[in-house]
Amino acid sequence: LDGSIGVEQNDGMGTLFYFTFFATLPSGETIKEKENVEVS
C-alpha cells in the first residue's frame, strides 16, 4: 500500500506497532464478472 510501519518500545509499558497508508481504491476501471460481462 506504499505505506510505512514502525515500532515504539517503552520500558514497563510494552511495545506499540503502528502503520500508516493512504487508502486509495480503483475507480472507473473495468473488471470481468461471470459470463465475461464487463462491469465497472
Full PDB file with SEQRES, HELIX, SHEET, SSBOND, CRYST1, ORIGX, SCALE, CONECT and MASTER records, all heavy atoms in Angstrom:
SEQRES   1 A   40  LEU ASP GLY SER ILE GLY VAL GLU GLN ASN ASP GLY MET          
SEQRES   2 A   40  GLY THR LEU PHE TYR PHE THR PHE PHE ALA THR LEU PRO          
SEQRES   3 A   40  SER GLY GLU THR ILE LYS GLU LYS GLU ASN VAL GLU VAL          
SEQRES   4 A   40  SER                                                          
HELIX    1 AA1 LYS A   34  ASN A   36  5                                   3    
SHEET    1 AA1 2 SER A   4  ASN A  10  0                                        
SHEET    2 AA1 2 GLY A  14  THR A  20 -1                                        
CRYST1    1.000    1.000    1.000  90.00  90.00  90.00 P 1           1          
ORIGX1      1.000000  0.000000  0.000000        0.00000                         
ORIGX2      0.000000  1.000000  0.000000        0.00000                         
ORIGX3      0.000000  0.000000  1.000000        0.00000                         
SCALE1      1.000000  0.000000  0.000000        0.00000                         
SCALE2      0.000000  1.000000  0.000000        0.00000                         
SCALE3      0.000000  0.000000  1.000000        0.00000                         
ATOM      1  N   LEU A   1       0.817  -1.207   0.000  1.00  0.00           N  
ATOM      2  CA  LEU A   1       0.000   0.000   0.000  1.00  0.00           C  
ATOM      3  C   LEU A   1       0.859   1.271   0.000  1.00  0.00           C  
ATOM      4  O   LEU A   1       0.342   2.377   0.171  1.00  0.00           O  
ATOM      5  CB  LEU A   1      -0.918   0.010   1.232  1.00  0.00           C  
ATOM      6  CG  LEU A   1      -1.985  -1.089   1.266  1.00  0.00           C  
ATOM      7  CD1 LEU A   1      -2.623  -1.164   2.647  1.00  0.00           C  
ATOM      8  CD2 LEU A   1      -3.051  -0.839   0.203  1.00  0.00           C  
ATOM      9  N   ASP A   2       2.182   1.105  -0.214  1.00  0.00           N  
ATOM     10  CA  ASP A   2       3.116   2.235  -0.205  1.00  0.00           C  
ATOM     11  C   ASP A   2       3.038   3.011   1.106  1.00  0.00           C  
ATOM     12  O   ASP A   2       3.137   4.248   1.129  1.00  0.00           O  
ATOM     13  CB  ASP A   2       2.841   3.186  -1.390  1.00  0.00           C  
ATOM     14  CG  ASP A   2       3.135   2.528  -2.733  1.00  0.00           C  
ATOM     15  OD1 ASP A   2       4.096   1.742  -2.795  1.00  0.00           O  
ATOM     16  OD2 ASP A   2       2.398   2.802  -3.694  1.00  0.00           O  
ATOM     17  N   GLY A   3       2.854   2.278   2.197  1.00  0.00           N  
ATOM     18  CA  GLY A   3       2.768   2.912   3.497  1.00  0.00           C  
ATOM     19  C   GLY A   3       4.037   2.697   4.309  1.00  0.00           C  
ATOM     20  O   GLY A   3       5.071   2.294   3.787  1.00  0.00           O  
ATOM     21  N   SER A   4       3.963   3.000   5.580  1.00  0.00           N  
ATOM     22  CA  SER A   4       5.109   2.819   6.470  1.00  0.00           C  
ATOM     23  C   SER A   4       4.651   2.138   7.747  1.00  0.00           C  
ATOM     24  O   SER A   4       3.508   2.304   8.173  1.00  0.00           O  
ATOM     25  CB  SER A   4       5.759   4.172   6.804  1.00  0.00           C  
ATOM     26  OG  SER A   4       4.828   5.026   7.469  1.00  0.00           O  
ATOM     27  N   ILE A   5       5.555   1.378   8.350  1.00  0.00           N  
ATOM     28  CA  ILE A   5       5.249   0.658   9.573  1.00  0.00           C  
ATOM     29  C   ILE A   5       6.399   0.864  10.552  1.00  0.00           C  
ATOM     30  O   ILE A   5       7.554   0.980  10.137  1.00  0.00           O  
ATOM     31  CB  ILE A   5       5.017  -0.849   9.294  1.00  0.00           C  
ATOM     32  CG1 ILE A   5       4.487  -1.560  10.539  1.00  0.00           C  
ATOM     33  CG2 ILE A   5       6.265  -1.514   8.765  1.00  0.00           C  
ATOM     34  CD1 ILE A   5       3.976  -2.973  10.251  1.00  0.00           C  
ATOM     35  N   GLY A   6       6.081   0.954  11.812  1.00  0.00           N  
ATOM     36  CA  GLY A   6       7.126   1.195  12.794  1.00  0.00           C  
ATOM     37  C   GLY A   6       6.782   0.601  14.144  1.00  0.00           C  
ATOM     38  O   GLY A   6       5.720   0.009  14.333  1.00  0.00           O  
ATOM     39  N   VAL A   7       7.695   0.793  15.087  1.00  0.00           N  
ATOM     40  CA  VAL A   7       7.520   0.223  16.421  1.00  0.00           C  
ATOM     41  C   VAL A   7       8.028   1.201  17.460  1.00  0.00           C  
ATOM     42  O   VAL A   7       9.009   1.909  17.243  1.00  0.00           O  
ATOM     43  CB  VAL A   7       8.256  -1.138  16.534  1.00  0.00           C  
ATOM     44  CG1 VAL A   7       9.730  -0.976  16.256  1.00  0.00           C  
ATOM     45  CG2 VAL A   7       8.029  -1.745  17.914  1.00  0.00           C  
ATOM     46  N   GLU A   8       7.317   1.272  18.569  1.00  0.00           N  
ATOM     47  CA  GLU A   8       7.752   2.075  19.705  1.00  0.00           C  
ATOM     48  C   GLU A   8       7.801   1.172  20.934  1.00  0.00           C  
ATOM     49  O   GLU A   8       6.834   0.465  21.217  1.00  0.00           O  
ATOM     50  CB  GLU A   8       6.789   3.237  19.952  1.00  0.00           C  
ATOM     51  CG  GLU A   8       6.768   4.271  18.845  1.00  0.00           C  
ATOM     52  CD  GLU A   8       5.806   5.399  19.137  1.00  0.00           C  
ATOM     53  OE1 GLU A   8       5.127   5.338  20.181  1.00  0.00           O  
ATOM     54  OE2 GLU A   8       5.707   6.328  18.307  1.00  0.00           O  
ATOM     55  N   GLN A   9       8.921   1.216  21.641  1.00  0.00           N  
ATOM     56  CA  GLN A   9       9.089   0.391  22.831  1.00  0.00           C  
ATOM     57  C   GLN A   9       9.255   1.279  24.059  1.00  0.00           C  
ATOM     58  O   GLN A   9      10.067   2.197  24.062  1.00  0.00           O  
ATOM     59  CB  GLN A   9      10.308  -0.523  22.685  1.00  0.00           C  
ATOM     60  CG  GLN A   9      10.138  -1.600  21.625  1.00  0.00           C  
ATOM     61  CD  GLN A   9      11.355  -2.481  21.475  1.00  0.00           C  
ATOM     62  OE1 GLN A   9      12.446  -1.990  21.225  1.00  0.00           O  
ATOM     63  NE2 GLN A   9      11.173  -3.777  21.636  1.00  0.00           N  
ATOM     64  N   ASN A  10       8.449   1.006  25.085  1.00  0.00           N  
ATOM     65  CA  ASN A  10       8.526   1.746  26.333  1.00  0.00           C  
ATOM     66  C   ASN A  10       8.742   0.769  27.484  1.00  0.00           C  
ATOM     67  O   ASN A  10       7.969  -0.175  27.655  1.00  0.00           O  
ATOM     68  CB  ASN A  10       7.230   2.533  26.568  1.00  0.00           C  
ATOM     69  CG  ASN A  10       7.016   3.592  25.504  1.00  0.00           C  
ATOM     70  OD1 ASN A  10       7.904   4.385  25.234  1.00  0.00           O  
ATOM     71  ND2 ASN A  10       5.836   3.593  24.887  1.00  0.00           N  
ATOM     72  N   ASP A  11       9.788   0.997  28.246  1.00  0.00           N  
ATOM     73  CA  ASP A  11      10.088   0.112  29.375  1.00  0.00           C  
ATOM     74  C   ASP A  11       8.916   0.059  30.343  1.00  0.00           C  
ATOM     75  O   ASP A  11       8.406   1.083  30.792  1.00  0.00           O  
ATOM     76  CB  ASP A  11      11.338   0.603  30.109  1.00  0.00           C  
ATOM     77  CG  ASP A  11      12.592   0.450  29.269  1.00  0.00           C  
ATOM     78  OD1 ASP A  11      12.559  -0.364  28.338  1.00  0.00           O  
ATOM     79  OD2 ASP A  11      13.583   1.148  29.550  1.00  0.00           O  
ATOM     80  N   GLY A  12       8.479  -1.153  30.623  1.00  0.00           N  
ATOM     81  CA  GLY A  12       7.400  -1.348  31.569  1.00  0.00           C  
ATOM     82  C   GLY A  12       6.015  -1.107  31.023  1.00  0.00           C  
ATOM     83  O   GLY A  12       5.016  -1.327  31.711  1.00  0.00           O  
ATOM     84  N   MET A  13       5.930  -0.653  29.762  1.00  0.00           N  
ATOM     85  CA  MET A  13       4.609  -0.353  29.183  1.00  0.00           C  
ATOM     86  C   MET A  13       4.325  -1.168  27.929  1.00  0.00           C  
ATOM     87  O   MET A  13       3.292  -1.003  27.299  1.00  0.00           O  
ATOM     88  CB  MET A  13       4.499   1.141  28.866  1.00  0.00           C  
ATOM     89  CG  MET A  13       4.587   2.031  30.092  1.00  0.00           C  
ATOM     90  SD  MET A  13       4.273   3.774  29.730  1.00  0.00           S  
ATOM     91  CE  MET A  13       2.539   3.690  29.250  1.00  0.00           C  
ATOM     92  N   GLY A  14       5.271  -2.015  27.530  1.00  0.00           N  
ATOM     93  CA  GLY A  14       5.030  -2.860  26.373  1.00  0.00           C  
ATOM     94  C   GLY A  14       5.522  -2.243  25.075  1.00  0.00           C  
ATOM     95  O   GLY A  14       6.234  -1.239  25.066  1.00  0.00           O  
ATOM     96  N   THR A  15       5.116  -2.849  23.982  1.00  0.00           N  
ATOM     97  CA  THR A  15       5.562  -2.453  22.647  1.00  0.00           C  
ATOM     98  C   THR A  15       4.363  -2.076  21.783  1.00  0.00           C  
ATOM     99  O   THR A  15       3.351  -2.779  21.763  1.00  0.00           O  
ATOM    100  CB  THR A  15       6.332  -3.600  21.972  1.00  0.00           C  
ATOM    101  OG1 THR A  15       7.440  -3.964  22.797  1.00  0.00           O  
ATOM    102  CG2 THR A  15       6.850  -3.189  20.604  1.00  0.00           C  
ATOM    103  N   LEU A  16       4.484  -0.966  21.053  1.00  0.00           N  
ATOM    104  CA  LEU A  16       3.419  -0.496  20.168  1.00  0.00           C  
ATOM    105  C   LEU A  16       3.878  -0.597  18.725  1.00  0.00           C  
ATOM    106  O   LEU A  16       4.913  -0.034  18.352  1.00  0.00           O  
ATOM    107  CB  LEU A  16       3.059   0.960  20.486  1.00  0.00           C  
ATOM    108  CG  LEU A  16       2.125   1.659  19.482  1.00  0.00           C  
ATOM    109  CD1 LEU A  16       0.736   1.029  19.538  1.00  0.00           C  
ATOM    110  CD2 LEU A  16       2.051   3.150  19.769  1.00  0.00           C  
ATOM    111  N   PHE A  17       3.153  -1.354  17.918  1.00  0.00           N  
ATOM    112  CA  PHE A  17       3.401  -1.419  16.481  1.00  0.00           C  
ATOM    113  C   PHE A  17       2.335  -0.572  15.785  1.00  0.00           C  
ATOM    114  O   PHE A  17       1.161  -0.621  16.151  1.00  0.00           O  
ATOM    115  CB  PHE A  17       3.329  -2.858  15.981  1.00  0.00           C  
ATOM    116  CG  PHE A  17       4.420  -3.743  16.509  1.00  0.00           C  
ATOM    117  CD1 PHE A  17       4.225  -4.491  17.667  1.00  0.00           C  
ATOM    118  CD2 PHE A  17       5.638  -3.823  15.862  1.00  0.00           C  
ATOM    119  CE1 PHE A  17       5.226  -5.304  18.166  1.00  0.00           C  
ATOM    120  CE2 PHE A  17       6.642  -4.633  16.353  1.00  0.00           C  
ATOM    121  CZ  PHE A  17       6.438  -5.378  17.505  1.00  0.00           C  
ATOM    122  N   TYR A  18       2.731   0.209  14.795  1.00  0.00           N  
ATOM    123  CA  TYR A  18       1.776   1.073  14.108  1.00  0.00           C  
ATOM    124  C   TYR A  18       2.099   1.127  12.618  1.00  0.00           C  
ATOM    125  O   TYR A  18       3.212   0.800  12.190  1.00  0.00           O  
ATOM    126  CB  TYR A  18       1.814   2.486  14.704  1.00  0.00           C  
ATOM    127  CG  TYR A  18       3.148   3.182  14.527  1.00  0.00           C  
ATOM    128  CD1 TYR A  18       3.399   3.963  13.396  1.00  0.00           C  
ATOM    129  CD2 TYR A  18       4.150   3.044  15.480  1.00  0.00           C  
ATOM    130  CE1 TYR A  18       4.616   4.594  13.231  1.00  0.00           C  
ATOM    131  CE2 TYR A  18       5.378   3.666  15.311  1.00  0.00           C  
ATOM    132  CZ  TYR A  18       5.607   4.447  14.189  1.00  0.00           C  
ATOM    133  OH  TYR A  18       6.821   5.048  14.011  1.00  0.00           O  
ATOM    134  N   PHE A  19       1.113   1.518  11.822  1.00  0.00           N  
ATOM    135  CA  PHE A  19       1.340   1.685  10.393  1.00  0.00           C  
ATOM    136  C   PHE A  19       0.455   2.804   9.859  1.00  0.00           C  
ATOM    137  O   PHE A  19      -0.589   3.127  10.432  1.00  0.00           O  
ATOM    138  CB  PHE A  19       1.067   0.380   9.621  1.00  0.00           C  
ATOM    139  CG  PHE A  19      -0.363  -0.075   9.669  1.00  0.00           C  
ATOM    140  CD1 PHE A  19      -1.261   0.307   8.680  1.00  0.00           C  
ATOM    141  CD2 PHE A  19      -0.807  -0.897  10.702  1.00  0.00           C  
ATOM    142  CE1 PHE A  19      -2.575  -0.117   8.728  1.00  0.00           C  
ATOM    143  CE2 PHE A  19      -2.125  -1.325  10.748  1.00  0.00           C  
ATOM    144  CZ  PHE A  19      -3.011  -0.934   9.752  1.00  0.00           C  
ATOM    145  N   THR A  20       0.876   3.406   8.766  1.00  0.00           N  
ATOM    146  CA  THR A  20       0.097   4.448   8.100  1.00  0.00           C  
ATOM    147  C   THR A  20       0.120   4.203   6.602  1.00  0.00           C  
ATOM    148  O   THR A  20       1.105   3.687   6.059  1.00  0.00           O  
ATOM    149  CB  THR A  20       0.676   5.844   8.381  1.00  0.00           C  
ATOM    150  OG1 THR A  20       2.028   5.906   7.905  1.00  0.00           O  
ATOM    151  CG2 THR A  20       0.644   6.173   9.864  1.00  0.00           C  
ATOM    152  N   PHE A  21      -0.958   4.561   5.931  1.00  0.00           N  
ATOM    153  CA  PHE A  21      -1.002   4.475   4.470  1.00  0.00           C  
ATOM    154  C   PHE A  21      -2.171   5.312   3.969  1.00  0.00           C  
ATOM    155  O   PHE A  21      -3.107   5.606   4.702  1.00  0.00           O  
ATOM    156  CB  PHE A  21      -1.144   3.022   3.984  1.00  0.00           C  
ATOM    157  CG  PHE A  21      -2.453   2.377   4.339  1.00  0.00           C  
ATOM    158  CD1 PHE A  21      -3.531   2.433   3.472  1.00  0.00           C  
ATOM    159  CD2 PHE A  21      -2.613   1.689   5.546  1.00  0.00           C  
ATOM    160  CE1 PHE A  21      -4.745   1.822   3.790  1.00  0.00           C  
ATOM    161  CE2 PHE A  21      -3.811   1.089   5.872  1.00  0.00           C  
ATOM    162  CZ  PHE A  21      -4.881   1.158   4.987  1.00  0.00           C  
ATOM    163  N   PHE A  22      -2.101   5.723   2.700  1.00  0.00           N  
ATOM    164  CA  PHE A  22      -3.190   6.430   2.063  1.00  0.00           C  
ATOM    165  C   PHE A  22      -4.081   5.402   1.383  1.00  0.00           C  
ATOM    166  O   PHE A  22      -3.621   4.642   0.526  1.00  0.00           O  
ATOM    167  CB  PHE A  22      -2.668   7.439   1.038  1.00  0.00           C  
ATOM    168  CG  PHE A  22      -1.985   8.624   1.656  1.00  0.00           C  
ATOM    169  CD1 PHE A  22      -0.597   8.689   1.719  1.00  0.00           C  
ATOM    170  CD2 PHE A  22      -2.729   9.652   2.198  1.00  0.00           C  
ATOM    171  CE1 PHE A  22       0.030   9.769   2.299  1.00  0.00           C  
ATOM    172  CE2 PHE A  22      -2.108  10.744   2.791  1.00  0.00           C  
ATOM    173  CZ  PHE A  22      -0.721  10.800   2.846  1.00  0.00           C  
ATOM    174  N   ALA A  23      -5.360   5.361   1.745  1.00  0.00           N  
ATOM    175  CA  ALA A  23      -6.290   4.371   1.197  1.00  0.00           C  
ATOM    176  C   ALA A  23      -6.912   4.915  -0.085  1.00  0.00           C  
ATOM    177  O   ALA A  23      -7.799   5.760  -0.055  1.00  0.00           O  
ATOM    178  CB  ALA A  23      -7.370   4.032   2.210  1.00  0.00           C  
ATOM    179  N   THR A  24      -6.400   4.472  -1.196  1.00  0.00           N  
ATOM    180  CA  THR A  24      -6.973   4.841  -2.485  1.00  0.00           C  
ATOM    181  C   THR A  24      -7.453   3.583  -3.164  1.00  0.00           C  
ATOM    182  O   THR A  24      -6.738   2.578  -3.214  1.00  0.00           O  
ATOM    183  CB  THR A  24      -5.939   5.531  -3.384  1.00  0.00           C  
ATOM    184  OG1 THR A  24      -4.806   4.680  -3.552  1.00  0.00           O  
ATOM    185  CG2 THR A  24      -5.480   6.851  -2.768  1.00  0.00           C  
ATOM    186  N   LEU A  25      -8.666   3.613  -3.705  1.00  0.00           N  
ATOM    187  CA  LEU A  25      -9.255   2.446  -4.337  1.00  0.00           C  
ATOM    188  C   LEU A  25      -9.557   2.737  -5.803  1.00  0.00           C  
ATOM    189  O   LEU A  25      -9.817   3.887  -6.169  1.00  0.00           O  
ATOM    190  CB  LEU A  25     -10.529   2.035  -3.601  1.00  0.00           C  
ATOM    191  CG  LEU A  25     -10.271   1.535  -2.178  1.00  0.00           C  
ATOM    192  CD1 LEU A  25     -11.568   1.443  -1.408  1.00  0.00           C  
ATOM    193  CD2 LEU A  25      -9.592   0.188  -2.218  1.00  0.00           C  
ATOM    194  N   PRO A  26      -9.522   1.728  -6.663  1.00  0.00           N  
ATOM    195  CA  PRO A  26      -9.716   1.952  -8.093  1.00  0.00           C  
ATOM    196  C   PRO A  26     -11.092   2.488  -8.398  1.00  0.00           C  
ATOM    197  O   PRO A  26     -12.071   2.195  -7.738  1.00  0.00           O  
ATOM    198  CB  PRO A  26      -9.530   0.538  -8.695  1.00  0.00           C  
ATOM    199  CG  PRO A  26      -9.844  -0.379  -7.573  1.00  0.00           C  
ATOM    200  CD  PRO A  26      -9.364   0.312  -6.334  1.00  0.00           C  
ATOM    201  N   SER A  27     -11.154   3.319  -9.434  1.00  0.00           N  
ATOM    202  CA  SER A  27     -12.428   3.895  -9.849  1.00  0.00           C  
ATOM    203  C   SER A  27     -12.467   3.975 -11.362  1.00  0.00           C  
ATOM    204  O   SER A  27     -11.539   4.482 -11.993  1.00  0.00           O  
ATOM    205  CB  SER A  27     -12.604   5.296  -9.259  1.00  0.00           C  
ATOM    206  OG  SER A  27     -13.788   5.884  -9.723  1.00  0.00           O  
ATOM    207  N   GLY A  28     -13.531   3.463 -11.948  1.00  0.00           N  
ATOM    208  CA  GLY A  28     -13.712   3.583 -13.379  1.00  0.00           C  
ATOM    209  C   GLY A  28     -13.118   2.449 -14.195  1.00  0.00           C  
ATOM    210  O   GLY A  28     -13.411   2.324 -15.378  1.00  0.00           O  
ATOM    211  N   GLU A  29     -12.264   1.622 -13.609  1.00  0.00           N  
ATOM    212  CA  GLU A  29     -11.687   0.532 -14.372  1.00  0.00           C  
ATOM    213  C   GLU A  29     -12.743  -0.537 -14.609  1.00  0.00           C  
ATOM    214  O   GLU A  29     -13.762  -0.592 -13.930  1.00  0.00           O  
ATOM    215  CB  GLU A  29     -10.495  -0.076 -13.631  1.00  0.00           C  
ATOM    216  CG  GLU A  29     -10.885  -0.796 -12.372  1.00  0.00           C  
ATOM    217  CD  GLU A  29      -9.726  -1.514 -11.721  1.00  0.00           C  
ATOM    218  OE1 GLU A  29      -9.086  -2.343 -12.391  1.00  0.00           O  
ATOM    219  OE2 GLU A  29      -9.496  -1.254 -10.547  1.00  0.00           O  
ATOM    220  N   THR A  30     -12.527  -1.368 -15.581  1.00  0.00           N  
ATOM    221  CA  THR A  30     -13.477  -2.434 -15.849  1.00  0.00           C  
ATOM    222  C   THR A  30     -12.901  -3.750 -15.410  1.00  0.00           C  
ATOM    223  O   THR A  30     -11.708  -4.012 -15.559  1.00  0.00           O  
ATOM    224  CB  THR A  30     -13.816  -2.513 -17.354  1.00  0.00           C  
ATOM    225  OG1 THR A  30     -12.615  -2.714 -18.099  1.00  0.00           O  
ATOM    226  CG2 THR A  30     -14.509  -1.255 -17.814  1.00  0.00           C  
ATOM    227  N   ILE A  31     -13.731  -4.575 -14.815  1.00  0.00           N  
ATOM    228  CA  ILE A  31     -13.331  -5.925 -14.442  1.00  0.00           C  
ATOM    229  C   ILE A  31     -14.393  -6.877 -14.952  1.00  0.00           C  
ATOM    230  O   ILE A  31     -15.519  -6.480 -15.228  1.00  0.00           O  
ATOM    231  CB  ILE A  31     -13.161  -6.068 -12.924  1.00  0.00           C  
ATOM    232  CG1 ILE A  31     -14.467  -5.727 -12.210  1.00  0.00           C  
ATOM    233  CG2 ILE A  31     -12.044  -5.213 -12.420  1.00  0.00           C  
ATOM    234  CD1 ILE A  31     -14.379  -5.862 -10.715  1.00  0.00           C  
ATOM    235  N   LYS A  32     -14.055  -8.122 -15.097  1.00  0.00           N  
ATOM    236  CA  LYS A  32     -14.972  -9.077 -15.701  1.00  0.00           C  
ATOM    237  C   LYS A  32     -15.759  -9.840 -14.676  1.00  0.00           C  
ATOM    238  O   LYS A  32     -15.213 -10.421 -13.758  1.00  0.00           O  
ATOM    239  CB  LYS A  32     -14.208 -10.043 -16.610  1.00  0.00           C  
ATOM    240  CG  LYS A  32     -13.683  -9.365 -17.862  1.00  0.00           C  
ATOM    241  CD  LYS A  32     -13.147 -10.372 -18.855  1.00  0.00           C  
ATOM    242  CE  LYS A  32     -12.728  -9.693 -20.141  1.00  0.00           C  
ATOM    243  NZ  LYS A  32     -12.258 -10.669 -21.148  1.00  0.00           N  
ATOM    244  N   GLU A  33     -17.048  -9.820 -14.828  1.00  0.00           N  
ATOM    245  CA  GLU A  33     -17.934 -10.588 -13.981  1.00  0.00           C  
ATOM    246  C   GLU A  33     -18.084 -11.964 -14.614  1.00  0.00           C  
ATOM    247  O   GLU A  33     -17.531 -12.238 -15.681  1.00  0.00           O  
ATOM    248  CB  GLU A  33     -19.295  -9.866 -13.920  1.00  0.00           C  
ATOM    249  CG  GLU A  33     -20.280 -10.507 -12.977  1.00  0.00           C  
ATOM    250  CD  GLU A  33     -21.715 -10.227 -13.390  1.00  0.00           C  
ATOM    251  OE1 GLU A  33     -21.922  -9.522 -14.379  1.00  0.00           O  
ATOM    252  OE2 GLU A  33     -22.595 -10.770 -12.743  1.00  0.00           O  
ATOM    253  N   LYS A  34     -18.818 -12.870 -13.961  1.00  0.00           N  
ATOM    254  CA  LYS A  34     -19.050 -14.184 -14.546  1.00  0.00           C  
ATOM    255  C   LYS A  34     -19.723 -14.027 -15.898  1.00  0.00           C  
ATOM    256  O   LYS A  34     -20.409 -13.046 -16.169  1.00  0.00           O  
ATOM    257  CB  LYS A  34     -19.912 -15.033 -13.613  1.00  0.00           C  
ATOM    258  CG  LYS A  34     -21.249 -14.414 -13.263  1.00  0.00           C  
ATOM    259  CD  LYS A  34     -21.999 -15.280 -12.286  1.00  0.00           C  
ATOM    260  CE  LYS A  34     -23.327 -14.636 -11.918  1.00  0.00           C  
ATOM    261  NZ  LYS A  34     -24.088 -15.442 -10.969  1.00  0.00           N  
ATOM    262  N   GLU A  35     -19.526 -14.963 -16.759  1.00  0.00           N  
ATOM    263  CA  GLU A  35     -20.049 -14.969 -18.114  1.00  0.00           C  
ATOM    264  C   GLU A  35     -19.429 -13.861 -18.956  1.00  0.00           C  
ATOM    265  O   GLU A  35     -20.018 -13.394 -19.933  1.00  0.00           O  
ATOM    266  CB  GLU A  35     -21.580 -14.849 -18.112  1.00  0.00           C  
ATOM    267  CG  GLU A  35     -22.267 -16.003 -17.390  1.00  0.00           C  
ATOM    268  CD  GLU A  35     -23.774 -15.850 -17.335  1.00  0.00           C  
ATOM    269  OE1 GLU A  35     -24.275 -14.810 -17.793  1.00  0.00           O  
ATOM    270  OE2 GLU A  35     -24.422 -16.767 -16.830  1.00  0.00           O  
ATOM    271  N   ASN A  36     -18.204 -13.414 -18.560  1.00  0.00           N  
ATOM    272  CA  ASN A  36     -17.422 -12.461 -19.339  1.00  0.00           C  
ATOM    273  C   ASN A  36     -18.111 -11.123 -19.562  1.00  0.00           C  
ATOM    274  O   ASN A  36     -17.863 -10.452 -20.556  1.00  0.00           O  
ATOM    275  CB  ASN A  36     -17.055 -13.078 -20.702  1.00  0.00           C  
ATOM    276  CG  ASN A  36     -16.138 -14.278 -20.565  1.00  0.00           C  
ATOM    277  OD1 ASN A  36     -15.227 -14.261 -19.744  1.00  0.00           O  
ATOM    278  ND2 ASN A  36     -16.390 -15.310 -21.338  1.00  0.00           N  
ATOM    279  N   VAL A  37     -18.975 -10.729 -18.655  1.00  0.00           N  
ATOM    280  CA  VAL A  37     -19.612  -9.423 -18.749  1.00  0.00           C  
ATOM    281  C   VAL A  37     -18.728  -8.405 -18.041  1.00  0.00           C  
ATOM    282  O   VAL A  37     -18.367  -8.594 -16.887  1.00  0.00           O  
ATOM    283  CB  VAL A  37     -21.012  -9.440 -18.094  1.00  0.00           C  
ATOM    284  CG1 VAL A  37     -21.635  -8.048 -18.137  1.00  0.00           C  
ATOM    285  CG2 VAL A  37     -21.904 -10.445 -18.825  1.00  0.00           C  
ATOM    286  N   GLU A  38     -18.361  -7.339 -18.747  1.00  0.00           N  
ATOM    287  CA  GLU A  38     -17.505  -6.331 -18.143  1.00  0.00           C  
ATOM    288  C   GLU A  38     -18.345  -5.381 -17.290  1.00  0.00           C  
ATOM    289  O   GLU A  38     -19.354  -4.866 -17.730  1.00  0.00           O  
ATOM    290  CB  GLU A  38     -16.753  -5.548 -19.220  1.00  0.00           C  
ATOM    291  CG  GLU A  38     -15.677  -6.370 -19.917  1.00  0.00           C  
ATOM    292  CD  GLU A  38     -14.797  -5.519 -20.804  1.00  0.00           C  
ATOM    293  OE1 GLU A  38     -15.178  -4.349 -21.049  1.00  0.00           O  
ATOM    294  OE2 GLU A  38     -13.751  -6.009 -21.237  1.00  0.00           O  
ATOM    295  N   VAL A  39     -17.903  -5.180 -16.063  1.00  0.00           N  
ATOM    296  CA  VAL A  39     -18.625  -4.324 -15.126  1.00  0.00           C  
ATOM    297  C   VAL A  39     -17.637  -3.346 -14.512  1.00  0.00           C  
ATOM    298  O   VAL A  39     -16.558  -3.740 -14.074  1.00  0.00           O  
ATOM    299  CB  VAL A  39     -19.286  -5.163 -14.004  1.00  0.00           C  
ATOM    300  CG1 VAL A  39     -20.095  -4.257 -13.085  1.00  0.00           C  
ATOM    301  CG2 VAL A  39     -20.166  -6.254 -14.594  1.00  0.00           C  
ATOM    302  N   SER A  40     -17.982  -2.073 -14.485  1.00  0.00           N  
ATOM    303  CA  SER A  40     -17.081  -1.080 -13.906  1.00  0.00           C  
ATOM    304  C   SER A  40     -17.055  -1.218 -12.389  1.00  0.00           C  
ATOM    305  O   SER A  40     -18.032  -1.657 -11.774  1.00  0.00           O  
ATOM    306  CB  SER A  40     -17.520   0.334 -14.291  1.00  0.00           C  
ATOM    307  OG  SER A  40     -18.713   0.681 -13.611  1.00  0.00           O  
TER     308      SER A  40                                                      
MASTER        0    0    0    1    2    0    0    6  307    1    0    4          
END                                                                             
